[in-house]
N, C-alpha and C. Protein backbone atom coordinates (compact mmCIF):
# COMPACT_ATOMS: atom_id res chain seq x y z
N ARG A 1 0.85 -1.17 0.00
CA ARG A 1 0.00 0.00 0.00
C ARG A 1 0.89 1.23 0.00
N GLY A 2 0.49 2.22 -0.80
CA GLY A 2 1.22 3.46 -0.82
C GLY A 2 2.47 3.47 -1.68
N VAL A 3 2.69 2.41 -2.46
CA VAL A 3 3.87 2.31 -3.31
C VAL A 3 3.43 2.26 -4.77
N SER A 4 4.12 3.00 -5.61
CA SER A 4 3.80 3.01 -7.04
C SER A 4 4.04 1.63 -7.65
N TYR A 5 3.09 1.19 -8.49
CA TYR A 5 3.17 -0.12 -9.12
C TYR A 5 2.86 0.03 -10.60
N GLN A 6 3.59 -0.73 -11.45
CA GLN A 6 3.32 -0.78 -12.89
C GLN A 6 3.58 -2.17 -13.42
N GLN A 7 2.68 -2.64 -14.27
CA GLN A 7 2.85 -3.92 -14.97
C GLN A 7 2.23 -3.77 -16.34
N GLN A 8 3.03 -3.99 -17.37
CA GLN A 8 2.53 -3.93 -18.75
C GLN A 8 2.19 -5.34 -19.20
N PHE A 9 0.92 -5.57 -19.56
CA PHE A 9 0.50 -6.87 -20.07
C PHE A 9 0.80 -6.96 -21.56
N SER A 10 0.98 -8.20 -22.04
CA SER A 10 1.21 -8.42 -23.47
C SER A 10 0.59 -9.76 -23.87
N THR A 11 0.38 -9.92 -25.16
CA THR A 11 -0.16 -11.17 -25.69
C THR A 11 0.72 -11.66 -26.82
N GLN A 12 0.50 -12.91 -27.19
CA GLN A 12 1.11 -13.49 -28.37
C GLN A 12 -0.01 -13.96 -29.27
N GLY A 13 0.15 -13.75 -30.56
CA GLY A 13 -0.89 -14.18 -31.50
C GLY A 13 -1.97 -13.12 -31.60
N GLY A 14 -3.07 -13.51 -32.19
CA GLY A 14 -4.16 -12.57 -32.38
C GLY A 14 -3.95 -11.72 -33.62
N THR A 15 -4.92 -10.86 -33.88
CA THR A 15 -4.88 -10.01 -35.08
C THR A 15 -4.98 -8.56 -34.68
N GLY A 16 -4.09 -7.74 -35.20
CA GLY A 16 -4.15 -6.30 -34.98
C GLY A 16 -3.89 -5.90 -33.54
N ALA A 17 -4.44 -4.74 -33.19
CA ALA A 17 -4.24 -4.18 -31.85
C ALA A 17 -5.04 -4.97 -30.82
N THR A 18 -4.52 -4.97 -29.59
CA THR A 18 -5.18 -5.64 -28.47
C THR A 18 -5.74 -4.59 -27.54
N SER A 19 -6.96 -4.81 -27.09
CA SER A 19 -7.60 -3.93 -26.11
C SER A 19 -7.72 -4.68 -24.80
N TRP A 20 -7.45 -4.02 -23.69
CA TRP A 20 -7.42 -4.65 -22.37
C TRP A 20 -8.53 -4.10 -21.48
N SER A 21 -9.07 -4.98 -20.63
CA SER A 21 -10.11 -4.55 -19.69
C SER A 21 -10.15 -5.50 -18.50
N VAL A 22 -10.80 -5.05 -17.43
CA VAL A 22 -11.07 -5.89 -16.27
C VAL A 22 -12.45 -6.48 -16.52
N SER A 23 -12.52 -7.81 -16.66
CA SER A 23 -13.80 -8.45 -17.01
C SER A 23 -14.53 -9.02 -15.79
N ALA A 24 -13.85 -9.13 -14.66
CA ALA A 24 -14.50 -9.63 -13.44
C ALA A 24 -13.69 -9.16 -12.24
N GLY A 25 -14.37 -9.04 -11.10
CA GLY A 25 -13.70 -8.60 -9.89
C GLY A 25 -13.40 -7.12 -9.93
N SER A 26 -12.50 -6.71 -9.05
CA SER A 26 -12.14 -5.29 -9.03
C SER A 26 -10.67 -5.13 -8.67
N LEU A 27 -10.07 -4.10 -9.26
CA LEU A 27 -8.68 -3.75 -8.95
C LEU A 27 -8.63 -3.10 -7.57
N PRO A 28 -7.46 -3.13 -6.94
CA PRO A 28 -7.33 -2.41 -5.68
C PRO A 28 -7.60 -0.92 -5.89
N PRO A 29 -8.26 -0.25 -4.94
CA PRO A 29 -8.47 1.19 -5.06
C PRO A 29 -7.14 1.90 -5.27
N GLY A 30 -7.11 2.80 -6.25
CA GLY A 30 -5.89 3.52 -6.60
C GLY A 30 -5.19 2.95 -7.83
N TRP A 31 -5.59 1.77 -8.29
CA TRP A 31 -5.01 1.16 -9.48
C TRP A 31 -5.98 1.30 -10.65
N SER A 32 -5.42 1.31 -11.86
CA SER A 32 -6.27 1.32 -13.06
C SER A 32 -5.57 0.49 -14.14
N LEU A 33 -6.37 0.06 -15.12
CA LEU A 33 -5.86 -0.68 -16.27
C LEU A 33 -6.20 0.12 -17.51
N SER A 34 -5.17 0.51 -18.27
CA SER A 34 -5.41 1.26 -19.50
C SER A 34 -5.83 0.30 -20.61
N SER A 35 -6.44 0.81 -21.64
CA SER A 35 -6.86 -0.04 -22.77
C SER A 35 -5.66 -0.62 -23.51
N SER A 36 -4.46 -0.04 -23.28
CA SER A 36 -3.25 -0.59 -23.88
C SER A 36 -2.57 -1.64 -23.00
N GLY A 37 -3.18 -1.96 -21.83
CA GLY A 37 -2.67 -3.05 -21.00
C GLY A 37 -1.72 -2.65 -19.91
N LEU A 38 -1.66 -1.37 -19.55
CA LEU A 38 -0.78 -0.95 -18.46
C LEU A 38 -1.58 -0.91 -17.17
N LEU A 39 -1.23 -1.80 -16.24
CA LEU A 39 -1.81 -1.81 -14.91
C LEU A 39 -0.91 -0.95 -14.05
N SER A 40 -1.47 0.10 -13.44
CA SER A 40 -0.62 1.01 -12.69
C SER A 40 -1.42 1.75 -11.62
N GLY A 41 -0.67 2.36 -10.72
CA GLY A 41 -1.26 3.19 -9.68
C GLY A 41 -0.58 2.99 -8.35
N ILE A 42 -1.19 3.59 -7.34
CA ILE A 42 -0.72 3.48 -5.95
C ILE A 42 -1.90 2.97 -5.14
N ALA A 43 -1.81 1.75 -4.67
CA ALA A 43 -2.91 1.15 -3.90
C ALA A 43 -3.10 1.92 -2.60
N THR A 44 -4.36 2.19 -2.29
CA THR A 44 -4.68 3.00 -1.11
C THR A 44 -5.33 2.20 0.02
N THR A 45 -5.75 0.96 -0.25
CA THR A 45 -6.51 0.21 0.74
C THR A 45 -5.98 -1.22 0.85
N ASN A 46 -5.64 -1.63 2.07
CA ASN A 46 -5.18 -3.00 2.30
C ASN A 46 -6.29 -3.99 2.01
N GLY A 47 -5.92 -5.20 1.60
CA GLY A 47 -6.90 -6.25 1.39
C GLY A 47 -6.42 -7.23 0.35
N THR A 48 -7.22 -8.27 0.14
CA THR A 48 -6.96 -9.26 -0.90
C THR A 48 -7.92 -8.95 -2.04
N TYR A 49 -7.38 -8.84 -3.23
CA TYR A 49 -8.17 -8.47 -4.40
C TYR A 49 -8.06 -9.55 -5.45
N THR A 50 -9.19 -9.95 -6.02
CA THR A 50 -9.20 -10.91 -7.12
C THR A 50 -9.88 -10.24 -8.30
N PHE A 51 -9.31 -10.44 -9.47
CA PHE A 51 -9.85 -9.83 -10.68
C PHE A 51 -9.40 -10.63 -11.89
N THR A 52 -10.10 -10.42 -12.98
CA THR A 52 -9.78 -11.08 -14.24
C THR A 52 -9.47 -10.00 -15.28
N ILE A 53 -8.33 -10.16 -15.95
CA ILE A 53 -7.93 -9.25 -17.02
C ILE A 53 -8.27 -9.93 -18.35
N GLN A 54 -8.89 -9.18 -19.24
CA GLN A 54 -9.29 -9.71 -20.55
C GLN A 54 -8.55 -8.95 -21.65
N ALA A 55 -8.04 -9.71 -22.62
CA ALA A 55 -7.40 -9.13 -23.81
C ALA A 55 -8.28 -9.48 -25.01
N THR A 56 -8.58 -8.48 -25.84
CA THR A 56 -9.42 -8.68 -27.01
C THR A 56 -8.67 -8.12 -28.22
N ASP A 57 -8.53 -8.94 -29.27
CA ASP A 57 -7.85 -8.45 -30.47
C ASP A 57 -8.85 -7.74 -31.38
N SER A 58 -8.36 -7.27 -32.54
CA SER A 58 -9.22 -6.49 -33.43
C SER A 58 -9.73 -7.30 -34.63
N ALA A 59 -9.68 -8.62 -34.53
CA ALA A 59 -10.20 -9.48 -35.60
C ALA A 59 -11.73 -9.36 -35.66
N ASN A 60 -12.31 -9.85 -36.76
CA ASN A 60 -13.77 -9.87 -36.89
C ASN A 60 -14.19 -11.30 -37.18
N PRO A 61 -14.74 -12.05 -36.25
CA PRO A 61 -15.08 -11.64 -34.89
C PRO A 61 -13.83 -11.57 -34.01
N PRO A 62 -13.87 -10.76 -32.94
CA PRO A 62 -12.70 -10.62 -32.07
C PRO A 62 -12.42 -11.90 -31.27
N GLN A 63 -11.15 -12.13 -31.03
CA GLN A 63 -10.72 -13.23 -30.15
C GLN A 63 -10.39 -12.64 -28.79
N THR A 64 -10.76 -13.36 -27.75
CA THR A 64 -10.46 -12.89 -26.39
C THR A 64 -9.77 -13.98 -25.59
N THR A 65 -9.00 -13.54 -24.63
CA THR A 65 -8.40 -14.45 -23.66
C THR A 65 -8.42 -13.75 -22.31
N THR A 66 -8.44 -14.52 -21.24
CA THR A 66 -8.48 -13.94 -19.90
C THR A 66 -7.45 -14.60 -19.01
N ALA A 67 -7.10 -13.89 -17.96
CA ALA A 67 -6.21 -14.42 -16.92
C ALA A 67 -6.71 -13.89 -15.58
N GLN A 68 -6.77 -14.78 -14.59
CA GLN A 68 -7.24 -14.41 -13.25
C GLN A 68 -6.06 -14.11 -12.35
N TYR A 69 -6.25 -13.14 -11.46
CA TYR A 69 -5.20 -12.74 -10.52
C TYR A 69 -5.80 -12.59 -9.13
N ALA A 70 -5.00 -12.90 -8.14
CA ALA A 70 -5.33 -12.65 -6.74
C ALA A 70 -4.08 -12.06 -6.10
N LEU A 71 -4.24 -10.95 -5.41
CA LEU A 71 -3.07 -10.34 -4.80
C LEU A 71 -3.43 -9.70 -3.48
N LEU A 72 -2.41 -9.53 -2.65
CA LEU A 72 -2.55 -8.95 -1.33
C LEU A 72 -1.92 -7.57 -1.33
N ILE A 73 -2.69 -6.58 -0.90
CA ILE A 73 -2.16 -5.24 -0.67
C ILE A 73 -2.00 -5.11 0.84
N ALA A 74 -0.80 -4.73 1.29
CA ALA A 74 -0.53 -4.63 2.73
C ALA A 74 0.28 -3.38 3.02
N ASP A 75 0.28 -2.98 4.29
CA ASP A 75 1.12 -1.87 4.72
C ASP A 75 2.57 -2.23 4.44
N PRO A 76 3.41 -1.23 4.16
CA PRO A 76 4.83 -1.50 4.00
C PRO A 76 5.41 -2.11 5.28
N LEU A 77 6.42 -2.94 5.12
CA LEU A 77 7.06 -3.62 6.25
C LEU A 77 7.83 -2.63 7.11
N THR A 78 7.66 -2.72 8.41
CA THR A 78 8.45 -1.93 9.35
C THR A 78 8.96 -2.82 10.47
N ILE A 79 10.10 -2.45 11.03
CA ILE A 79 10.65 -3.13 12.20
C ILE A 79 10.07 -2.42 13.42
N THR A 80 9.42 -3.18 14.30
CA THR A 80 8.79 -2.59 15.49
C THR A 80 9.57 -2.87 16.77
N SER A 81 10.61 -3.69 16.70
CA SER A 81 11.44 -3.96 17.88
C SER A 81 12.20 -2.70 18.27
N PRO A 82 12.52 -2.57 19.55
CA PRO A 82 13.31 -1.40 19.97
C PRO A 82 14.73 -1.49 19.41
N ALA A 83 15.38 -0.35 19.28
CA ALA A 83 16.76 -0.31 18.77
C ALA A 83 17.77 -0.79 19.81
N VAL A 84 17.41 -0.71 21.08
CA VAL A 84 18.27 -1.24 22.14
C VAL A 84 17.59 -2.50 22.67
N TRP A 85 18.27 -3.61 22.50
CA TRP A 85 17.70 -4.91 22.87
C TRP A 85 17.86 -5.19 24.35
N PRO A 86 17.06 -6.14 24.88
CA PRO A 86 17.24 -6.55 26.27
C PRO A 86 18.67 -7.07 26.48
N ASP A 87 19.21 -6.79 27.66
CA ASP A 87 20.58 -7.22 27.97
C ASP A 87 20.74 -8.72 27.83
N ALA A 88 21.93 -9.12 27.42
CA ALA A 88 22.32 -10.53 27.39
C ALA A 88 23.27 -10.77 28.55
N CYS A 89 23.20 -11.95 29.14
CA CYS A 89 24.11 -12.34 30.22
C CYS A 89 25.28 -13.11 29.63
N SER A 90 26.48 -12.66 29.91
CA SER A 90 27.67 -13.34 29.42
C SER A 90 27.69 -14.78 29.91
N GLY A 91 27.95 -15.71 28.99
CA GLY A 91 28.04 -17.12 29.34
C GLY A 91 26.71 -17.83 29.46
N GLN A 92 25.58 -17.13 29.17
CA GLN A 92 24.26 -17.74 29.25
C GLN A 92 23.55 -17.63 27.90
N PRO A 93 22.72 -18.60 27.57
CA PRO A 93 22.00 -18.54 26.29
C PRO A 93 21.15 -17.27 26.19
N TYR A 94 21.12 -16.72 24.99
CA TYR A 94 20.37 -15.49 24.72
C TYR A 94 19.50 -15.72 23.49
N SER A 95 18.30 -15.15 23.52
CA SER A 95 17.42 -15.23 22.36
C SER A 95 16.60 -13.96 22.28
N PHE A 96 16.51 -13.39 21.09
CA PHE A 96 15.71 -12.19 20.87
C PHE A 96 15.15 -12.26 19.45
N ALA A 97 13.83 -12.04 19.35
CA ALA A 97 13.17 -12.10 18.04
C ALA A 97 12.89 -10.68 17.54
N ILE A 98 13.34 -10.39 16.33
CA ILE A 98 13.02 -9.11 15.69
C ILE A 98 11.53 -9.11 15.38
N GLN A 99 10.84 -8.06 15.78
CA GLN A 99 9.40 -7.94 15.53
C GLN A 99 9.17 -6.98 14.36
N THR A 100 8.21 -7.32 13.52
CA THR A 100 7.86 -6.48 12.37
C THR A 100 6.35 -6.30 12.31
N ALA A 101 5.93 -5.33 11.51
CA ALA A 101 4.51 -5.12 11.23
C ALA A 101 4.38 -4.84 9.74
N GLY A 102 3.21 -5.19 9.18
CA GLY A 102 2.96 -4.96 7.76
C GLY A 102 3.73 -5.95 6.90
N GLY A 103 3.83 -5.62 5.63
CA GLY A 103 4.58 -6.46 4.71
C GLY A 103 3.81 -7.67 4.23
N VAL A 104 4.38 -8.32 3.23
CA VAL A 104 3.81 -9.52 2.63
C VAL A 104 4.76 -10.69 2.93
N PRO A 105 4.29 -11.69 3.69
CA PRO A 105 5.15 -12.83 4.01
C PRO A 105 5.56 -13.61 2.77
N PRO A 106 6.65 -14.34 2.82
CA PRO A 106 7.54 -14.46 3.97
C PRO A 106 8.47 -13.23 4.09
N ILE A 107 8.86 -12.95 5.33
CA ILE A 107 9.79 -11.87 5.65
C ILE A 107 11.19 -12.48 5.75
N HIS A 108 12.17 -11.77 5.21
CA HIS A 108 13.56 -12.23 5.25
C HIS A 108 14.38 -11.19 6.02
N PHE A 109 15.31 -11.68 6.84
CA PHE A 109 16.08 -10.81 7.71
C PHE A 109 17.56 -10.86 7.34
N GLY A 110 18.25 -9.78 7.63
CA GLY A 110 19.68 -9.72 7.42
C GLY A 110 20.33 -8.99 8.59
N PHE A 111 21.65 -9.13 8.69
CA PHE A 111 22.36 -8.49 9.79
C PHE A 111 23.80 -8.25 9.39
N PHE A 112 24.34 -7.09 9.82
CA PHE A 112 25.75 -6.80 9.60
C PHE A 112 26.30 -6.09 10.83
N SER A 113 27.49 -6.51 11.24
CA SER A 113 28.23 -5.85 12.30
C SER A 113 29.69 -6.22 12.17
N SER A 114 30.56 -5.24 12.36
CA SER A 114 31.99 -5.53 12.29
C SER A 114 32.52 -6.06 13.62
N GLY A 115 31.76 -5.92 14.71
CA GLY A 115 32.26 -6.36 16.00
C GLY A 115 31.27 -7.18 16.80
N TRP A 116 30.39 -7.89 16.12
CA TRP A 116 29.35 -8.66 16.82
C TRP A 116 29.95 -9.88 17.49
N VAL A 117 29.21 -10.43 18.44
CA VAL A 117 29.66 -11.58 19.23
C VAL A 117 28.93 -12.83 18.79
N ALA A 118 29.10 -13.92 19.49
CA ALA A 118 28.58 -15.23 19.10
C ALA A 118 27.07 -15.37 19.31
N ILE A 119 26.31 -14.39 18.91
CA ILE A 119 24.85 -14.46 18.92
C ILE A 119 24.43 -14.24 17.48
N ASN A 120 23.84 -15.26 16.86
CA ASN A 120 23.65 -15.26 15.41
C ASN A 120 22.18 -15.15 15.02
N LEU A 121 21.96 -14.71 13.79
CA LEU A 121 20.62 -14.48 13.25
C LEU A 121 20.16 -15.65 12.39
N ASP A 122 18.93 -16.09 12.62
CA ASP A 122 18.25 -17.00 11.69
C ASP A 122 17.52 -16.09 10.70
N THR A 123 17.97 -16.06 9.46
CA THR A 123 17.45 -15.10 8.47
C THR A 123 16.01 -15.34 8.06
N SER A 124 15.47 -16.53 8.33
CA SER A 124 14.08 -16.78 7.96
C SER A 124 13.10 -16.50 9.10
N THR A 125 13.57 -16.50 10.35
CA THR A 125 12.68 -16.25 11.48
C THR A 125 12.93 -14.90 12.16
N GLY A 126 14.10 -14.32 11.96
CA GLY A 126 14.43 -13.06 12.63
C GLY A 126 14.81 -13.25 14.09
N ILE A 127 15.19 -14.48 14.47
CA ILE A 127 15.56 -14.75 15.86
C ILE A 127 17.09 -14.78 15.99
N PHE A 128 17.58 -13.95 16.90
CA PHE A 128 18.99 -13.97 17.28
C PHE A 128 19.12 -14.91 18.46
N SER A 129 20.10 -15.81 18.42
CA SER A 129 20.31 -16.71 19.55
C SER A 129 21.77 -17.12 19.61
N GLY A 130 22.19 -17.49 20.80
CA GLY A 130 23.56 -17.93 21.01
C GLY A 130 24.02 -17.58 22.40
N THR A 131 25.29 -17.86 22.67
CA THR A 131 25.89 -17.58 23.97
C THR A 131 27.20 -16.85 23.74
N SER A 132 27.32 -15.70 24.36
CA SER A 132 28.54 -14.92 24.24
C SER A 132 29.28 -14.91 25.57
N THR A 133 30.60 -14.97 25.53
CA THR A 133 31.39 -14.86 26.74
C THR A 133 32.00 -13.47 26.88
N PHE A 134 31.69 -12.61 25.92
CA PHE A 134 32.14 -11.22 25.89
C PHE A 134 31.33 -10.41 26.89
N ILE A 135 31.91 -9.37 27.49
CA ILE A 135 31.18 -8.40 28.30
C ILE A 135 31.43 -7.04 27.67
N GLY A 136 30.35 -6.33 27.38
CA GLY A 136 30.48 -5.02 26.76
C GLY A 136 29.26 -4.71 25.91
N THR A 137 29.39 -3.69 25.07
CA THR A 137 28.30 -3.24 24.21
C THR A 137 28.69 -3.45 22.76
N VAL A 138 27.78 -4.01 21.99
CA VAL A 138 28.01 -4.23 20.56
C VAL A 138 26.85 -3.59 19.78
N THR A 139 27.15 -3.21 18.56
CA THR A 139 26.13 -2.60 17.69
C THR A 139 26.15 -3.29 16.34
N GLY A 140 25.04 -3.14 15.63
CA GLY A 140 24.95 -3.73 14.30
C GLY A 140 23.76 -3.13 13.55
N THR A 141 23.56 -3.62 12.35
CA THR A 141 22.46 -3.16 11.50
C THR A 141 21.60 -4.35 11.11
N VAL A 142 20.32 -4.29 11.48
CA VAL A 142 19.34 -5.32 11.14
C VAL A 142 18.54 -4.83 9.94
N SER A 143 18.24 -5.74 9.02
CA SER A 143 17.36 -5.40 7.90
C SER A 143 16.25 -6.44 7.82
N ALA A 144 15.09 -5.97 7.37
CA ALA A 144 13.95 -6.86 7.15
C ALA A 144 13.34 -6.49 5.80
N GLY A 145 13.07 -7.49 4.98
CA GLY A 145 12.46 -7.27 3.67
C GLY A 145 11.35 -8.27 3.45
N ASP A 146 10.33 -7.85 2.72
CA ASP A 146 9.20 -8.75 2.50
C ASP A 146 9.21 -9.32 1.08
N SER A 147 8.14 -10.00 0.73
CA SER A 147 8.04 -10.65 -0.58
C SER A 147 7.14 -9.89 -1.54
N ALA A 148 6.79 -8.67 -1.19
CA ALA A 148 5.95 -7.85 -2.08
C ALA A 148 6.72 -7.49 -3.35
N GLN A 149 5.98 -7.15 -4.39
CA GLN A 149 6.57 -6.65 -5.63
C GLN A 149 5.99 -5.27 -5.90
N PRO A 150 6.73 -4.18 -5.74
CA PRO A 150 8.13 -4.14 -5.30
C PRO A 150 8.24 -4.41 -3.80
N MET A 151 9.42 -4.88 -3.40
CA MET A 151 9.68 -5.24 -2.02
C MET A 151 9.60 -4.01 -1.11
N SER A 152 9.12 -4.20 0.11
CA SER A 152 9.23 -3.15 1.12
C SER A 152 10.11 -3.68 2.23
N GLY A 153 10.70 -2.78 2.97
CA GLY A 153 11.58 -3.21 4.05
C GLY A 153 12.08 -2.04 4.86
N GLN A 154 12.90 -2.36 5.83
CA GLN A 154 13.44 -1.34 6.71
C GLN A 154 14.79 -1.81 7.24
N VAL A 155 15.63 -0.84 7.59
CA VAL A 155 16.93 -1.09 8.21
C VAL A 155 16.92 -0.38 9.56
N GLN A 156 17.52 -1.02 10.57
CA GLN A 156 17.55 -0.43 11.91
C GLN A 156 18.92 -0.67 12.54
N GLN A 157 19.49 0.38 13.12
CA GLN A 157 20.72 0.25 13.90
C GLN A 157 20.33 -0.28 15.27
N VAL A 158 21.04 -1.31 15.76
CA VAL A 158 20.68 -1.94 17.03
C VAL A 158 21.88 -1.97 17.98
N THR A 159 21.57 -2.03 19.27
CA THR A 159 22.59 -2.09 20.32
C THR A 159 22.24 -3.22 21.28
N LEU A 160 23.24 -3.98 21.67
CA LEU A 160 23.08 -5.05 22.65
C LEU A 160 24.16 -4.90 23.72
N HIS A 161 23.72 -4.84 24.98
CA HIS A 161 24.66 -4.81 26.11
C HIS A 161 24.78 -6.24 26.64
N ILE A 162 26.01 -6.71 26.74
CA ILE A 162 26.27 -8.03 27.30
C ILE A 162 26.91 -7.80 28.67
N VAL A 163 26.21 -8.28 29.68
CA VAL A 163 26.59 -7.97 31.07
C VAL A 163 26.91 -9.24 31.84
N SER A 164 27.55 -9.04 32.98
CA SER A 164 27.83 -10.15 33.90
C SER A 164 26.61 -10.36 34.78
N CYS A 165 26.09 -11.55 34.78
CA CYS A 165 24.90 -11.87 35.57
C CYS A 165 25.25 -12.90 36.63
N PRO A 166 24.51 -12.90 37.74
CA PRO A 166 24.80 -13.89 38.79
C PRO A 166 24.53 -15.31 38.33
C-alpha cells in the first residue's frame, strides 16, 4: 500500500491491436488498467483483491483471452522492535526475536556488524540466539524485507549490552 506499481501486459498471437479490460472482480483502489494493457497506480486500501484481465484483439469476430489474478495489498514492512535490545548475560544462552509489522510474508532478515559476538541471526525467522562470553556493548544493522513486488523493508541500527549476571 502506498507504493507506485506498474505492470505492462502483453499477448502473443491474435490479429491487430489488443484492447485490455477488467472483465470480473475489481482492482485495488488507486489502481487502473489502460486499454493498452498498463496496470498502474498506488494502492490505497489493504486487502486481498481478485480480478480477471481480458485481452481482445481487433479481428472480426474478435478473439479474447483472460487471466485471473489474486493479490494482497498490505502496509509496508516496518521493524517494530526497539533499537536497544534486552541485555544478554555473558556465558548464558540469549534469544531475541526481531518484531515487524505490515509487509507480505515471507519476511527475510539480514544483519551486519563488524564487532558482533557469538549471537547469530536465523534469516528466515528473525531470531537472534547464542551464547557470548564477551562483556560489553556491541552494535549492528538489522534489515527486514518482504516478498511484495516491489519489495518493502526497513533497516535499523541496534545495540546489545552483554553484562555479567549472577
